[in-house]
PDB file of N, CA and C in Angstrom:
ATOM      1  N   MET A   1      -2.564   9.155   6.860  1.00  0.00           N
ATOM      2  CA  MET A   1      -2.634   7.857   7.495  1.00  0.00           C
ATOM      3  C   MET A   1      -3.370   6.910   6.551  1.00  0.00           C
ATOM      4  N   LEU A   2      -2.755   5.821   6.212  1.00  0.00           N
ATOM      5  CA  LEU A   2      -3.351   4.836   5.315  1.00  0.00           C
ATOM      6  C   LEU A   2      -3.623   3.544   6.058  1.00  0.00           C
ATOM      7  N   THR A   3      -4.614   2.817   5.583  1.00  0.00           N
ATOM      8  CA  THR A   3      -4.961   1.523   6.154  1.00  0.00           C
ATOM      9  C   THR A   3      -5.547   0.644   5.051  1.00  0.00           C
ATOM     10  N   PRO A   4      -5.426  -0.667   5.157  1.00  0.00           N
ATOM     11  CA  PRO A   4      -6.075  -1.530   4.163  1.00  0.00           C
ATOM     12  C   PRO A   4      -7.591  -1.352   4.197  1.00  0.00           C
ATOM     13  N   ALA A   5      -8.207  -1.411   3.035  1.00  0.00           N
ATOM     14  CA  ALA A   5      -9.664  -1.334   2.948  1.00  0.00           C
ATOM     15  C   ALA A   5     -10.277  -2.543   3.646  1.00  0.00           C
ATOM     16  N   ALA A   6     -11.517  -2.416   4.062  1.00  0.00           N
ATOM     17  CA  ALA A   6     -12.181  -3.485   4.811  1.00  0.00           C
ATOM     18  C   ALA A   6     -12.315  -4.777   4.011  1.00  0.00           C
ATOM     19  N   HIS A   7     -12.374  -4.682   2.696  1.00  0.00           N
ATOM     20  CA  HIS A   7     -12.537  -5.877   1.865  1.00  0.00           C
ATOM     21  C   HIS A   7     -11.201  -6.529   1.478  1.00  0.00           C
ATOM     22  N   ILE A   8     -10.111  -6.024   2.031  1.00  0.00           N
ATOM     23  CA  ILE A   8      -8.784  -6.582   1.756  1.00  0.00           C
ATOM     24  C   ILE A   8      -8.306  -7.356   2.977  1.00  0.00           C
ATOM     25  N   HIS A   9      -7.993  -8.615   2.768  1.00  0.00           N
ATOM     26  CA  HIS A   9      -7.423  -9.453   3.829  1.00  0.00           C
ATOM     27  C   HIS A   9      -5.989  -9.763   3.442  1.00  0.00           C
ATOM     28  N   HIS A  10      -5.115  -9.847   4.433  1.00  0.00           N
ATOM     29  CA  HIS A  10      -3.702 -10.102   4.142  1.00  0.00           C
ATOM     30  C   HIS A  10      -3.111 -11.044   5.176  1.00  0.00           C
ATOM     31  N   THR A  11      -2.125 -11.768   4.729  1.00  0.00           N
ATOM     32  CA  THR A  11      -1.398 -12.671   5.613  1.00  0.00           C
ATOM     33  C   THR A  11       0.031 -12.775   5.121  1.00  0.00           C
ATOM     34  N   THR A  12       0.890 -13.229   5.982  1.00  0.00           N
ATOM     35  CA  THR A  12       2.293 -13.387   5.643  1.00  0.00           C
ATOM     36  C   THR A  12       2.618 -14.865   5.536  1.00  0.00           C
ATOM     37  N   ASP A  13       3.366 -15.217   4.495  1.00  0.00           N
ATOM     38  CA  ASP A  13       3.868 -16.587   4.394  1.00  0.00           C
ATOM     39  C   ASP A  13       5.371 -16.526   4.191  1.00  0.00           C
ATOM     40  N   GLU A  14       5.989 -17.651   3.886  1.00  0.00           N
ATOM     41  CA  GLU A  14       7.449 -17.687   3.782  1.00  0.00           C
ATOM     42  C   GLU A  14       8.003 -16.910   2.593  1.00  0.00           C
ATOM     43  N   HIS A  15       7.154 -16.526   1.646  1.00  0.00           N
ATOM     44  CA  HIS A  15       7.607 -15.808   0.454  1.00  0.00           C
ATOM     45  C   HIS A  15       7.310 -14.317   0.493  1.00  0.00           C
ATOM     46  N   GLY A  16       6.455 -13.886   1.388  1.00  0.00           N
ATOM     47  CA  GLY A  16       6.073 -12.482   1.467  1.00  0.00           C
ATOM     48  C   GLY A  16       4.666 -12.340   1.989  1.00  0.00           C
ATOM     49  N   ILE A  17       3.980 -11.327   1.503  1.00  0.00           N
ATOM     50  CA  ILE A  17       2.618 -11.057   1.946  1.00  0.00           C
ATOM     51  C   ILE A  17       1.651 -11.402   0.827  1.00  0.00           C
ATOM     52  N   VAL A  18       0.549 -12.023   1.215  1.00  0.00           N
ATOM     53  CA  VAL A  18      -0.503 -12.405   0.276  1.00  0.00           C
ATOM     54  C   VAL A  18      -1.728 -11.551   0.586  1.00  0.00           C
ATOM     55  N   LEU A  19      -2.305 -10.945  -0.454  1.00  0.00           N
ATOM     56  CA  LEU A  19      -3.512 -10.140  -0.307  1.00  0.00           C
ATOM     57  C   LEU A  19      -4.685 -10.862  -0.951  1.00  0.00           C
ATOM     58  N   LEU A  20      -5.847 -10.751  -0.336  1.00  0.00           N
ATOM     59  CA  LEU A  20      -7.080 -11.281  -0.910  1.00  0.00           C
ATOM     60  C   LEU A  20      -8.106 -10.162  -0.915  1.00  0.00           C
ATOM     61  N   ASP A  21      -8.613  -9.861  -2.100  1.00  0.00           N
ATOM     62  CA  ASP A  21      -9.701  -8.899  -2.244  1.00  0.00           C
ATOM     63  C   ASP A  21     -10.989  -9.718  -2.270  1.00  0.00           C
ATOM     64  N   ILE A  22     -11.761  -9.658  -1.195  1.00  0.00           N
ATOM     65  CA  ILE A  22     -12.955 -10.508  -1.123  1.00  0.00           C
ATOM     66  C   ILE A  22     -14.071 -10.013  -2.035  1.00  0.00           C
ATOM     67  N   ARG A  23     -13.999  -8.787  -2.509  1.00  0.00           N
ATOM     68  CA  ARG A  23     -15.004  -8.305  -3.462  1.00  0.00           C
ATOM     69  C   ARG A  23     -14.810  -8.932  -4.838  1.00  0.00           C
ATOM     70  N   THR A  24     -13.551  -8.944  -5.285  1.00  0.00           N
ATOM     71  CA  THR A  24     -13.261  -9.464  -6.625  1.00  0.00           C
ATOM     72  C   THR A  24     -12.802 -10.913  -6.595  1.00  0.00           C
ATOM     73  N   GLU A  25     -12.559 -11.445  -5.393  1.00  0.00           N
ATOM     74  CA  GLU A  25     -12.053 -12.808  -5.216  1.00  0.00           C
ATOM     75  C   GLU A  25     -10.713 -13.014  -5.921  1.00  0.00           C
ATOM     76  N   LYS A  26      -9.857 -11.984  -5.876  1.00  0.00           N
ATOM     77  CA  LYS A  26      -8.530 -12.064  -6.497  1.00  0.00           C
ATOM     78  C   LYS A  26      -7.458 -12.058  -5.420  1.00  0.00           C
ATOM     79  N   TRP A  27      -6.429 -12.881  -5.671  1.00  0.00           N
ATOM     80  CA  TRP A  27      -5.271 -12.973  -4.796  1.00  0.00           C
ATOM     81  C   TRP A  27      -4.131 -12.168  -5.412  1.00  0.00           C
ATOM     82  N   ALA A  28      -3.256 -11.649  -4.570  1.00  0.00           N
ATOM     83  CA  ALA A  28      -2.040 -10.993  -5.031  1.00  0.00           C
ATOM     84  C   ALA A  28      -0.909 -11.379  -4.091  1.00  0.00           C
ATOM     85  N   MET A  29       0.200 -11.772  -4.673  1.00  0.00           N
ATOM     86  CA  MET A  29       1.393 -12.112  -3.895  1.00  0.00           C
ATOM     87  C   MET A  29       2.372 -10.965  -4.030  1.00  0.00           C
ATOM     88  N   LEU A  30       2.771 -10.375  -2.920  1.00  0.00           N
ATOM     89  CA  LEU A  30       3.700  -9.253  -2.947  1.00  0.00           C
ATOM     90  C   LEU A  30       5.128  -9.755  -2.810  1.00  0.00           C
ATOM     91  N   GLY A  31       6.020  -9.176  -3.603  1.00  0.00           N
ATOM     92  CA  GLY A  31       7.439  -9.502  -3.524  1.00  0.00           C
ATOM     93  C   GLY A  31       8.063  -8.886  -2.277  1.00  0.00           C
ATOM     94  N   PRO A  32       9.366  -9.047  -2.109  1.00  0.00           N
ATOM     95  CA  PRO A  32      10.024  -8.569  -0.876  1.00  0.00           C
ATOM     96  C   PRO A  32       9.867  -7.073  -0.631  1.00  0.00           C
ATOM     97  N   ASP A  33      10.149  -6.234  -1.640  1.00  0.00           N
ATOM     98  CA  ASP A  33      10.041  -4.790  -1.435  1.00  0.00           C
ATOM     99  C   ASP A  33       8.594  -4.368  -1.225  1.00  0.00           C
ATOM    100  N   ALA A  34       7.688  -4.883  -2.026  1.00  0.00           N
ATOM    101  CA  ALA A  34       6.266  -4.538  -1.871  1.00  0.00           C
ATOM    102  C   ALA A  34       5.750  -5.018  -0.511  1.00  0.00           C
ATOM    103  N   SER A  35       6.234  -6.152  -0.044  1.00  0.00           N
ATOM    104  CA  SER A  35       5.839  -6.650   1.276  1.00  0.00           C
ATOM    105  C   SER A  35       6.288  -5.697   2.378  1.00  0.00           C
ATOM    106  N   ARG A  36       7.489  -5.152   2.239  1.00  0.00           N
ATOM    107  CA  ARG A  36       7.978  -4.198   3.251  1.00  0.00           C
ATOM    108  C   ARG A  36       7.171  -2.911   3.218  1.00  0.00           C
ATOM    109  N   ILE A  37       6.774  -2.490   2.013  1.00  0.00           N
ATOM    110  CA  ILE A  37       5.936  -1.291   1.889  1.00  0.00           C
ATOM    111  C   ILE A  37       4.587  -1.544   2.554  1.00  0.00           C
ATOM    112  N   TRP A  38       3.986  -2.687   2.241  1.00  0.00           N
ATOM    113  CA  TRP A  38       2.686  -3.047   2.832  1.00  0.00           C
ATOM    114  C   TRP A  38       2.789  -3.096   4.352  1.00  0.00           C
ATOM    115  N   GLN A  39       3.826  -3.749   4.863  1.00  0.00           N
ATOM    116  CA  GLN A  39       4.004  -3.893   6.309  1.00  0.00           C
ATOM    117  C   GLN A  39       4.159  -2.530   6.979  1.00  0.00           C
ATOM    118  N   ALA A  40       4.902  -1.624   6.349  1.00  0.00           N
ATOM    119  CA  ALA A  40       5.076  -0.283   6.917  1.00  0.00           C
ATOM    120  C   ALA A  40       3.739   0.443   6.995  1.00  0.00           C
ATOM    121  N   ILE A  41       2.905   0.278   5.975  1.00  0.00           N
ATOM    122  CA  ILE A  41       1.600   0.934   5.979  1.00  0.00           C
ATOM    123  C   ILE A  41       0.692   0.322   7.037  1.00  0.00           C
ATOM    124  N   VAL A  42       0.681  -0.993   7.145  1.00  0.00           N
ATOM    125  CA  VAL A  42      -0.184  -1.666   8.130  1.00  0.00           C
ATOM    126  C   VAL A  42       0.239  -1.312   9.553  1.00  0.00           C
ATOM    127  N   VAL A  43       1.525  -1.267   9.813  1.00  0.00           N
ATOM    128  CA  VAL A  43       2.016  -1.005  11.165  1.00  0.00           C
ATOM    129  C   VAL A  43       1.982   0.482  11.506  1.00  0.00           C
ATOM    130  N   ASN A  44       2.476   1.331  10.579  1.00  0.00           N
ATOM    131  CA  ASN A  44       2.642   2.753  10.881  1.00  0.00           C
ATOM    132  C   ASN A  44       1.624   3.670  10.210  1.00  0.00           C
ATOM    133  N   GLY A  45       0.998   3.204   9.138  1.00  0.00           N
ATOM    134  CA  GLY A  45       0.078   4.046   8.395  1.00  0.00           C
ATOM    135  C   GLY A  45       0.753   4.952   7.389  1.00  0.00           C
ATOM    136  N   ILE A  46       2.085   4.948   7.367  1.00  0.00           N
ATOM    137  CA  ILE A  46       2.863   5.781   6.449  1.00  0.00           C
ATOM    138  C   ILE A  46       4.091   5.015   5.974  1.00  0.00           C
ATOM    139  N   THR A  47       4.757   5.560   4.968  1.00  0.00           N
ATOM    140  CA  THR A  47       5.969   4.932   4.442  1.00  0.00           C
ATOM    141  C   THR A  47       7.194   5.818   4.650  1.00  0.00           C
ATOM    142  N   ALA A  48       7.121   6.773   5.556  1.00  0.00           N
ATOM    143  CA  ALA A  48       8.229   7.698   5.801  1.00  0.00           C
ATOM    144  C   ALA A  48       9.503   6.940   6.178  1.00  0.00           C
ATOM    145  N   GLY A  49      10.598   7.283   5.506  1.00  0.00           N
ATOM    146  CA  GLY A  49      11.893   6.680   5.792  1.00  0.00           C
ATOM    147  C   GLY A  49      12.121   5.328   5.157  1.00  0.00           C
ATOM    148  N   LEU A  50      11.107   4.756   4.554  1.00  0.00           N
ATOM    149  CA  LEU A  50      11.225   3.416   3.980  1.00  0.00           C
ATOM    150  C   LEU A  50      12.116   3.392   2.740  1.00  0.00           C
ATOM    151  N   ALA A  51      12.114   4.465   1.967  1.00  0.00           N
ATOM    152  CA  ALA A  51      12.930   4.509   0.748  1.00  0.00           C
ATOM    153  C   ALA A  51      14.410   4.324   1.083  1.00  0.00           C
ATOM    154  N   ASP A  52      14.886   4.991   2.123  1.00  0.00           N
ATOM    155  CA  ASP A  52      16.288   4.842   2.530  1.00  0.00           C
ATOM    156  C   ASP A  52      16.565   3.432   3.023  1.00  0.00           C
ATOM    157  N   GLN A  53      15.640   2.844   3.766  1.00  0.00           N
ATOM    158  CA  GLN A  53      15.830   1.483   4.273  1.00  0.00           C
ATOM    159  C   GLN A  53      15.925   0.468   3.139  1.00  0.00           C
ATOM    160  N   LEU A  54      15.181   0.688   2.061  1.00  0.00           N
ATOM    161  CA  LEU A  54      15.213  -0.231   0.929  1.00  0.00           C
ATOM    162  C   LEU A  54      16.385   0.046  -0.003  1.00  0.00           C
ATOM    163  N   ALA A  55      16.741   1.314  -0.157  1.00  0.00           N
ATOM    164  CA  ALA A  55      17.733   1.693  -1.172  1.00  0.00           C
ATOM    165  C   ALA A  55      19.175   1.552  -0.700  1.00  0.00           C
ATOM    166  N   ILE A  56      19.492   2.023   0.467  1.00  0.00           N
ATOM    167  CA  ILE A  56      20.883   2.112   0.907  1.00  0.00           C
ATOM    168  C   ILE A  56      21.580   0.754   0.965  1.00  0.00           C
ATOM    169  N   PRO A  57      20.985  -0.301   1.549  1.00  0.00           N
ATOM    170  CA  PRO A  57      21.698  -1.584   1.596  1.00  0.00           C
ATOM    171  C   PRO A  57      21.973  -2.196   0.217  1.00  0.00           C
ATOM    172  N   THR A  58      21.145  -1.836  -0.770  1.00  0.00           N
ATOM    173  CA  THR A  58      21.307  -2.437  -2.099  1.00  0.00           C
ATOM    174  C   THR A  58      22.000  -1.513  -3.078  1.00  0.00           C
ATOM    175  N   GLY A  59      22.352  -0.301  -2.654  1.00  0.00           N
ATOM    176  CA  GLY A  59      23.057   0.632  -3.522  1.00  0.00           C
ATOM    177  C   GLY A  59      22.168   1.328  -4.546  1.00  0.00           C
ATOM    178  N   ARG A  60      20.864   1.274  -4.350  1.00  0.00           N
ATOM    179  CA  ARG A  60      19.954   1.947  -5.278  1.00  0.00           C
ATOM    180  C   ARG A  60      19.806   3.421  -4.894  1.00  0.00           C
ATOM    181  N   ASP A  61      19.305   4.202  -5.834  1.00  0.00           N
ATOM    182  CA  ASP A  61      19.076   5.629  -5.615  1.00  0.00           C
ATOM    183  C   ASP A  61      17.829   5.805  -4.745  1.00  0.00           C
ATOM    184  N   PRO A  62      17.962   6.420  -3.551  1.00  0.00           N
ATOM    185  CA  PRO A  62      16.808   6.592  -2.669  1.00  0.00           C
ATOM    186  C   PRO A  62      15.668   7.388  -3.309  1.00  0.00           C
ATOM    187  N   HIS A  63      16.007   8.364  -4.138  1.00  0.00           N
ATOM    188  CA  HIS A  63      14.955   9.152  -4.785  1.00  0.00           C
ATOM    189  C   HIS A  63      14.140   8.296  -5.755  1.00  0.00           C
ATOM    190  N   ALA A  64      14.823   7.451  -6.513  1.00  0.00           N
ATOM    191  CA  ALA A  64      14.122   6.563  -7.444  1.00  0.00           C
ATOM    192  C   ALA A  64      13.255   5.560  -6.687  1.00  0.00           C
ATOM    193  N   VAL A  65      13.763   5.050  -5.579  1.00  0.00           N
ATOM    194  CA  VAL A  65      12.988   4.110  -4.760  1.00  0.00           C
ATOM    195  C   VAL A  65      11.769   4.810  -4.171  1.00  0.00           C
ATOM    196  N   LEU A  66      11.939   6.051  -3.720  1.00  0.00           N
ATOM    197  CA  LEU A  66      10.807   6.810  -3.191  1.00  0.00           C
ATOM    198  C   LEU A  66       9.738   7.015  -4.254  1.00  0.00           C
ATOM    199  N   GLN A  67      10.140   7.308  -5.477  1.00  0.00           N
ATOM    200  CA  GLN A  67       9.172   7.460  -6.562  1.00  0.00           C
ATOM    201  C   GLN A  67       8.421   6.147  -6.812  1.00  0.00           C
ATOM    202  N   GLY A  68       9.144   5.029  -6.753  1.00  0.00           N
ATOM    203  CA  GLY A  68       8.518   3.719  -6.922  1.00  0.00           C
ATOM    204  C   GLY A  68       7.521   3.425  -5.813  1.00  0.00           C
ATOM    205  N   ILE A  69       7.873   3.759  -4.583  1.00  0.00           N
ATOM    206  CA  ILE A  69       6.970   3.564  -3.443  1.00  0.00           C
ATOM    207  C   ILE A  69       5.718   4.412  -3.629  1.00  0.00           C
ATOM    208  N   ASP A  70       5.914   5.679  -3.968  1.00  0.00           N
ATOM    209  CA  ASP A  70       4.769   6.575  -4.156  1.00  0.00           C
ATOM    210  C   ASP A  70       3.856   6.085  -5.273  1.00  0.00           C
ATOM    211  N   HIS A  71       4.451   5.601  -6.359  1.00  0.00           N
ATOM    212  CA  HIS A  71       3.659   5.087  -7.483  1.00  0.00           C
ATOM    213  C   HIS A  71       2.841   3.867  -7.046  1.00  0.00           C
ATOM    214  N   LEU A  72       3.463   2.946  -6.319  1.00  0.00           N
ATOM    215  CA  LEU A  72       2.765   1.746  -5.862  1.00  0.00           C
ATOM    216  C   LEU A  72       1.642   2.093  -4.891  1.00  0.00           C
ATOM    217  N   VAL A  73       1.900   2.975  -3.940  1.00  0.00           N
ATOM    218  CA  VAL A  73       0.879   3.382  -2.967  1.00  0.00           C
ATOM    219  C   VAL A  73      -0.276   4.087  -3.676  1.00  0.00           C
ATOM    220  N   ASP A  74       0.046   4.948  -4.641  1.00  0.00           N
ATOM    221  CA  ASP A  74      -1.018   5.612  -5.414  1.00  0.00           C
ATOM    222  C   ASP A  74      -1.871   4.600  -6.171  1.00  0.00           C
ATOM    223  N   ARG A  75      -1.230   3.586  -6.745  1.00  0.00           N
ATOM    224  CA  ARG A  75      -1.989   2.550  -7.458  1.00  0.00           C
ATOM    225  C   ARG A  75      -2.880   1.772  -6.500  1.00  0.00           C
ATOM    226  N   TRP A  76      -2.368   1.437  -5.324  1.00  0.00           N
ATOM    227  CA  TRP A  76      -3.175   0.731  -4.331  1.00  0.00           C
ATOM    228  C   TRP A  76      -4.358   1.581  -3.887  1.00  0.00           C
ATOM    229  N   LYS A  77      -4.153   2.889  -3.728  1.00  0.00           N
ATOM    230  CA  LYS A  77      -5.262   3.770  -3.359  1.00  0.00           C
ATOM    231  C   LYS A  77      -6.276   3.859  -4.500  1.00  0.00           C
ATOM    232  N   ARG A  78      -5.812   4.001  -5.710  1.00  0.00           N
ATOM    233  CA  ARG A  78      -6.691   4.078  -6.878  1.00  0.00           C
ATOM    234  C   ARG A  78      -7.511   2.800  -7.048  1.00  0.00           C
ATOM    235  N   ASP A  79      -6.891   1.648  -6.762  1.00  0.00           N
ATOM    236  CA  ASP A  79      -7.556   0.351  -6.889  1.00  0.00           C
ATOM    237  C   ASP A  79      -8.441   0.023  -5.686  1.00  0.00           C
ATOM    238  N   GLY A  80      -8.441   0.890  -4.677  1.00  0.00           N
ATOM    239  CA  GLY A  80      -9.286   0.666  -3.507  1.00  0.00           C
ATOM    240  C   GLY A  80      -8.715  -0.306  -2.500  1.00  0.00           C
ATOM    241  N   ILE A  81      -7.437  -0.626  -2.629  1.00  0.00           N
ATOM    242  CA  ILE A  81      -6.790  -1.555  -1.697  1.00  0.00           C
ATOM    243  C   ILE A  81      -6.436  -0.839  -0.398  1.00  0.00           C
ATOM    244  N   LEU A  82      -5.999   0.405  -0.519  1.00  0.00           N
ATOM    245  CA  LEU A  82      -5.691   1.235   0.636  1.00  0.00           C
ATOM    246  C   LEU A  82      -6.675   2.392   0.695  1.00  0.00           C
ATOM    247  N   ILE A  83      -7.002   2.792   1.912  1.00  0.00           N
ATOM    248  CA  ILE A  83      -7.863   3.955   2.099  1.00  0.00           C
ATOM    249  C   ILE A  83      -7.244   4.862   3.157  1.00  0.00           C
ATOM    250  N   ASP A  84      -7.686   6.097   3.169  1.00  0.00           N
ATOM    251  CA  ASP A  84      -7.275   7.050   4.192  1.00  0.00           C
ATOM    252  C   ASP A  84      -8.495   7.328   5.064  1.00  0.00           C
ATOM    253  N   PRO A  85      -8.597   6.675   6.230  1.00  0.00           N
ATOM    254  CA  PRO A  85      -9.795   6.826   7.057  1.00  0.00           C
ATOM    255  C   PRO A  85      -9.959   8.218   7.655  1.00  0.00           C
ATOM    256  N   THR A  86      -8.900   9.029   7.657  1.00  0.00           N
ATOM    257  CA  THR A  86      -8.999  10.374   8.211  1.00  0.00           C
ATOM    258  C   THR A  86      -9.558  11.361   7.204  1.00  0.00           C
ATOM    259  N   ARG A  87      -9.596  10.979   5.952  1.00  0.00           N
ATOM    260  CA  ARG A  87     -10.096  11.863   4.905  1.00  0.00           C
ATOM    261  C   ARG A  87     -11.616  11.760   4.842  1.00  0.00           C
ATOM    262  N   THR A  88     -12.263  12.882   4.839  1.00  0.00           N
ATOM    263  CA  THR A  88     -13.719  12.880   4.767  1.00  0.00           C
ATOM    264  C   THR A  88     -14.150  12.615   3.329  1.00  0.00           C
ATOM    265  N   PRO A  89     -15.181  11.824   3.151  1.00  0.00           N
ATOM    266  CA  PRO A  89     -15.638  11.537   1.790  1.00  0.00           C
ATOM    267  C   PRO A  89     -16.200  12.795   1.124  1.00  0.00           C
ATOM    268  N   ARG A  90     -16.054  12.834  -0.191  1.00  0.00           N
ATOM    269  CA  ARG A  90     -16.584  13.975  -0.933  1.00  0.00           C
ATOM    270  C   ARG A  90     -18.103  13.963  -0.860  1.00  0.00           C
ATOM    271  N   ARG A  91     -18.671  15.124  -0.736  1.00  0.00           N
ATOM    272  CA  ARG A  91     -20.132  15.229  -0.751  1.00  0.00           C
ATOM    273  C   ARG A  91     -20.608  15.189  -2.183  1.00  0.00           C
ATOM    274  N   ARG A  92     -21.664  14.518  -2.405  1.00  0.00           N
ATOM    275  CA  ARG A  92     -22.258  14.462  -3.735  1.00  0.00           C
ATOM    276  C   ARG A  92     -23.421  15.450  -3.783  1.00  0.00           C
ATOM    277  N   TRP A  93     -23.424  16.238  -4.790  1.00  0.00           N
ATOM    278  CA  TRP A  93     -24.504  17.182  -4.999  1.00  0.00           C
ATOM    279  C   TRP A  93     -25.365  16.661  -6.135  1.00  0.00           C
ATOM    280  N   TRP A  94     -26.609  16.513  -5.841  1.00  0.00           N
ATOM    281  CA  TRP A  94     -27.539  16.000  -6.832  1.00  0.00           C
ATOM    282  C   TRP A  94     -28.367  17.153  -7.391  1.00  0.00           C
ATOM    283  N   ARG A  95     -28.528  17.114  -8.677  1.00  0.00           N
ATOM    284  CA  ARG A  95     -29.391  18.116  -9.326  1.00  0.00           C
ATOM    285  C   ARG A  95     -30.793  17.564  -9.415  1.00  0.00           C
ATOM    286  N   ARG A  96     -31.729  18.404  -9.275  1.00  0.00           N
ATOM    287  CA  ARG A  96     -33.129  17.982  -9.376  1.00  0.00           C
ATOM    288  C   ARG A  96     -33.715  18.421 -10.683  1.00  0.00           C
TER     289      ARG A  96
END
């Protein structure tokens, strides 16, 4: 289950979805496909079935689209834009 991080604000305009990272004060404008990926995550917490919805109407390879979705979601998680609230944080062990 994925959700936007607390420091990420998003809104929809006529061109797609706009993200604001209030920590870095950076804006990002998502294109049509990225907007659909973002919307699926915000609404459902997952992107299951989205590759077929994006690929089939345009004649693209669903497997390639799925790889693109996974790559984008991984980048968003790595950048701290998306988090998994069900995952427990790693414990830090300190040496004395």
